[in-house]
Protein backbone atom coordinates (compact mmCIF):
# COMPACT_ATOMS: atom_id res chain seq x y z
CA MET A 1 12.36 27.64 -26.20
CA GLU A 2 10.87 27.63 -22.72
CA ASP A 3 10.96 24.75 -20.26
CA LYS A 4 7.62 23.47 -19.09
CA LYS A 5 7.26 21.58 -15.86
CA CYS A 6 5.15 18.49 -16.19
CA ASN A 7 2.62 17.71 -13.46
CA GLU A 8 2.48 13.99 -14.21
CA VAL A 9 1.93 11.56 -11.38
CA LYS A 10 5.06 9.51 -11.01
CA ASP A 11 4.92 5.77 -10.47
CA LYS A 12 5.69 4.91 -6.90
CA LYS A 13 9.17 3.59 -6.27
CA GLN A 14 9.00 -0.11 -5.48
CA GLU A 15 11.21 -3.07 -4.75
CA VAL A 16 10.80 -6.73 -3.86
CA ILE A 17 12.42 -7.93 -0.63
CA ASP A 18 12.03 -11.54 0.57
CA GLY A 19 9.03 -11.98 -1.73
CA TYR A 20 7.25 -8.83 -0.48
CA THR A 21 6.51 -6.03 -2.92
CA ILE A 22 7.21 -2.75 -1.14
CA LYS A 23 5.99 0.54 -2.63
CA TYR A 24 7.10 3.92 -1.32
CA HIS A 25 5.43 7.30 -0.88
CA ALA A 26 6.37 10.07 -3.33
CA ASN A 27 9.23 11.04 -1.02
CA GLY A 28 10.86 7.72 -1.96
CA LYS A 29 11.73 6.98 1.67
CA THR A 30 8.69 5.91 3.68
CA VAL A 31 6.77 2.72 2.87
CA TRP A 32 3.35 3.21 1.26
CA SER A 33 2.33 -0.47 0.98
CA LYS A 34 3.73 -3.92 1.55
CA GLY A 35 2.51 -7.38 0.53
CA LYS A 36 3.01 -10.32 -1.78
CA MET A 37 2.10 -10.53 -5.45
CA SER A 38 1.07 -13.63 -7.38
CA GLU A 39 0.74 -13.57 -11.17
CA GLY A 40 0.80 -9.75 -11.11
CA LYS A 41 -1.99 -9.44 -8.53
CA PRO A 42 -1.91 -8.79 -4.78
CA ASP A 43 -2.27 -12.05 -2.87
CA GLY A 44 -2.32 -12.64 0.88
CA TYR A 45 -1.90 -10.08 3.65
CA TRP A 46 -1.19 -6.43 2.71
CA GLU A 47 -0.58 -3.26 4.72
CA TRP A 48 -0.70 0.43 3.75
CA TYR A 49 1.03 3.20 5.67
CA ARG A 50 0.81 6.96 6.07
CA ALA A 51 3.79 9.14 5.11
CA ASP A 52 4.72 9.37 8.81
CA GLY A 53 5.10 5.57 8.94
CA LYS A 54 1.94 4.76 10.92
CA ILE A 55 -0.26 1.97 9.59
CA LYS A 56 -3.35 3.14 7.68
CA ARG A 57 -5.09 -0.04 6.45
CA SER A 58 -4.56 -3.79 6.38
CA GLY A 59 -6.32 -6.71 4.77
CA TYR A 60 -6.15 -9.84 2.67
CA PHE A 61 -6.32 -10.45 -1.06
CA GLU A 62 -7.08 -13.67 -2.86
CA LYS A 63 -5.75 -13.50 -6.43
CA GLY A 64 -6.33 -9.73 -6.56
CA ASP A 65 -9.73 -9.65 -4.84
CA PRO A 66 -10.10 -8.24 -1.31
CA VAL A 67 -11.40 -10.91 1.09
CA GLY A 68 -12.04 -11.34 4.79
CA GLU A 69 -11.53 -8.72 7.46
CA TRP A 70 -10.05 -5.34 6.53
CA VAL A 71 -8.95 -2.92 9.24
CA THR A 72 -8.67 0.87 8.89
CA TYR A 73 -6.51 2.69 11.44
CA ASP A 74 -6.72 6.28 12.69
CA SER A 75 -3.90 8.81 12.42
CA LYS A 76 -2.38 7.45 15.66
CA GLY A 77 -2.25 3.91 14.28
CA ASP A 78 -5.10 2.64 16.46
CA GLU A 79 -7.89 0.46 15.03
CA TYR A 80 -10.70 2.67 13.79
CA LYS A 81 -12.98 0.50 11.67
CA THR A 82 -13.25 -3.14 10.60
CA THR A 83 -14.98 -4.18 7.38
CA ASN A 84 -15.74 -7.72 6.23
CA ARG A 85 -15.06 -8.16 2.52
CA GLY A 86 -16.71 -11.57 2.24
């Protein structure tokens, strides 16, 4: 019987610290996203990060829906683009 490697996408490692849900990149070490959840949906301010730890995107959710100003950052972590989500 031969072993077959499975190419399934693994769920990101996550934990809750001081009310913030923190998800990690596949390496399990660097933060992928951070924010609060309410009733199973993102709520309030959230941030996403690149594997090198630099911020990639930030914005607000209201009961799971993106609202207000969302900022995308370049690979250096500098503001690149701002989008208004209503």
